[in-house]
Amino acid sequence: MKIIKDFVDNDSASGILLILVTVLALLLSNSAFSDIYQLKFRSSFH
């Protein structure tokens, strides 16, 4: 738990997390799971 707390307390944690999530989204959208990914996130907002 101390490792997670230290990471969250770090100022650059949000930037690192944003980069990791962006890379994950790019990998999913360009993989065999792209159909599922597109269906999941192609919802309209009302």
Protein backbone atom coordinates (compact mmCIF):
# COMPACT_ATOMS: atom_id res chain seq x y z
CA MET A 1 0.00 0.00 0.00
CA LYS A 2 2.88 2.36 0.66
CA ILE A 3 4.00 2.09 -2.97
CA ILE A 4 0.54 3.10 -4.20
CA LYS A 5 0.31 5.96 -1.69
CA ASP A 6 3.76 7.22 -2.69
CA PHE A 7 2.79 7.05 -6.37
CA VAL A 8 -0.47 8.94 -5.83
CA ASP A 9 1.29 11.58 -3.73
CA ASN A 10 3.80 12.11 -6.54
CA ASP A 11 3.09 15.20 -8.68
CA SER A 12 3.77 13.39 -11.95
CA ALA A 13 1.43 10.48 -11.16
CA SER A 14 -1.49 11.95 -13.09
CA GLY A 15 0.64 12.46 -16.20
CA ILE A 16 2.04 8.95 -16.05
CA LEU A 17 -1.43 7.50 -15.57
CA LEU A 18 -2.79 9.52 -18.49
CA ILE A 19 -0.02 8.28 -20.79
CA LEU A 20 -0.55 4.64 -19.73
CA VAL A 21 -4.31 4.81 -20.29
CA THR A 22 -3.80 6.48 -23.68
CA VAL A 23 -1.39 3.75 -24.78
CA LEU A 24 -3.81 1.08 -23.57
CA ALA A 25 -6.68 2.68 -25.53
CA LEU A 26 -4.54 2.85 -28.68
CA LEU A 27 -3.52 -0.78 -28.32
CA LEU A 28 -7.10 -1.93 -27.79
CA SER A 29 -8.48 0.10 -30.68
CA ASN A 30 -5.89 -1.36 -33.06
CA SER A 31 -6.08 -4.98 -31.91
CA ALA A 32 -8.38 -7.92 -32.40
CA PHE A 33 -10.61 -6.35 -29.74
CA SER A 34 -11.26 -3.25 -31.85
CA ASP A 35 -14.86 -4.22 -32.64
CA ILE A 36 -15.70 -4.61 -28.96
CA TYR A 37 -13.81 -1.42 -28.13
CA GLN A 38 -15.67 0.58 -30.78
CA LEU A 39 -19.07 -0.75 -29.68
CA LYS A 40 -18.34 0.00 -26.04
CA PHE A 41 -17.27 3.61 -26.57
CA ARG A 42 -19.51 4.54 -29.48
CA SER A 43 -22.43 5.45 -27.26
CA SER A 44 -24.29 8.70 -27.68
CA PHE A 45 -24.84 11.16 -24.88
CA HIS A 46 -28.38 12.41 -24.38
